[in-house]
Amino acid sequence: MTTIQIRLTMMTDDVKRFAAIVGEYPYDIDLCSGRYVVDAKSLLGIFSVDLSKPIEMRIYSDDCQDLLERIKPYIIEDGAGE
């Protein structure tokens, strides 16, 4: 499992783009915000978490470098932006 911190904006296009990218991968991906865990491939799930704060992303694969490169604009490096 790979765990990273991401930040999404409230903009619908940004969330749609993110969900479309992660939807292309066969493994499970969850977003965790507080006590809530949602499917990262679900638009409704993404909009149900607090997007004003960093979100923990759990990728249930250790071979996900391609995905990490594609979502690089969303990744928070070393806690920046918190």
Protein backbone atom coordinates (compact mmCIF):
# COMPACT_ATOMS: atom_id res chain seq x y z
CA MET A 1 0.00 0.00 0.00
CA THR A 2 1.17 3.52 -0.80
CA THR A 3 -0.07 6.50 1.25
CA ILE A 4 0.31 10.15 0.21
CA GLN A 5 -1.27 13.51 1.07
CA ILE A 6 -3.16 15.35 -1.67
CA ARG A 7 -5.11 18.56 -2.02
CA LEU A 8 -8.10 19.02 -4.31
CA THR A 9 -9.90 22.26 -5.01
CA MET A 10 -13.65 22.75 -4.85
CA MET A 11 -13.66 23.33 -8.60
CA THR A 12 -15.78 20.66 -10.29
CA ASP A 13 -13.43 20.31 -13.28
CA ASP A 14 -10.46 19.69 -10.98
CA VAL A 15 -12.27 16.91 -9.10
CA LYS A 16 -13.61 15.38 -12.34
CA ARG A 17 -10.11 15.33 -13.83
CA PHE A 18 -8.69 13.68 -10.70
CA ALA A 19 -11.46 11.04 -10.57
CA ALA A 20 -11.01 10.28 -14.28
CA ILE A 21 -7.27 9.72 -13.81
CA VAL A 22 -7.61 7.40 -10.81
CA GLY A 23 -10.53 5.61 -12.50
CA GLU A 24 -8.15 4.32 -15.17
CA TYR A 25 -6.27 2.15 -12.67
CA PRO A 26 -7.44 -1.35 -11.67
CA TYR A 27 -6.45 -1.25 -8.01
CA ASP A 28 -8.47 0.18 -5.13
CA ILE A 29 -7.80 3.77 -4.10
CA ASP A 30 -9.36 5.43 -1.06
CA LEU A 31 -9.44 9.00 0.20
CA CYS A 32 -9.43 9.48 3.98
CA SER A 33 -10.51 12.71 5.62
CA GLY A 34 -10.98 12.56 9.36
CA ARG A 35 -13.05 9.49 10.10
CA TYR A 36 -14.47 9.29 6.56
CA VAL A 37 -13.08 6.93 3.93
CA VAL A 38 -14.42 7.19 0.37
CA ASP A 39 -13.63 5.62 -2.99
CA ALA A 40 -11.28 7.95 -4.89
CA LYS A 41 -12.99 6.93 -8.14
CA SER A 42 -16.37 8.25 -6.98
CA LEU A 43 -17.26 11.89 -7.70
CA LEU A 44 -19.96 11.87 -5.02
CA GLY A 45 -17.51 10.34 -2.57
CA ILE A 46 -14.90 13.00 -3.26
CA PHE A 47 -17.40 15.83 -2.84
CA SER A 48 -18.52 14.35 0.49
CA VAL A 49 -15.16 14.99 2.17
CA ASP A 50 -13.75 18.33 3.34
CA LEU A 51 -11.79 19.57 0.32
CA SER A 52 -10.48 22.62 2.18
CA LYS A 53 -7.95 20.40 4.02
CA PRO A 54 -5.28 17.94 2.87
CA ILE A 55 -6.63 14.45 2.20
CA GLU A 56 -4.85 11.16 2.77
CA MET A 57 -4.84 8.99 -0.33
CA ARG A 58 -4.37 5.24 0.10
CA ILE A 59 -3.35 3.36 -3.02
CA TYR A 60 -3.65 -0.40 -2.58
CA SER A 61 -0.70 -1.21 -4.82
CA ASP A 62 3.05 -0.85 -4.47
CA ASP A 63 3.48 -0.56 -8.24
CA CYS A 64 1.80 2.80 -8.81
CA GLN A 65 4.57 5.10 -10.08
CA ASP A 66 2.62 5.87 -13.27
CA LEU A 67 -0.38 7.03 -11.24
CA LEU A 68 1.80 9.11 -8.91
CA GLU A 69 3.33 10.90 -11.90
CA ARG A 70 -0.09 11.68 -13.36
CA ILE A 71 -1.49 13.08 -10.10
CA LYS A 72 1.67 15.00 -9.20
CA PRO A 73 -0.12 18.40 -9.31
CA TYR A 74 -2.39 17.22 -6.49
CA ILE A 75 0.32 15.79 -4.21
CA ILE A 76 1.42 17.81 -1.19
CA GLU A 77 5.19 17.56 -0.83
CA ASP A 78 6.51 17.18 2.74
CA GLY A 79 3.44 18.70 4.35
CA ALA A 80 3.59 21.93 2.31
CA GLY A 81 0.30 23.77 2.21
CA GLU A 82 -0.95 22.53 5.57
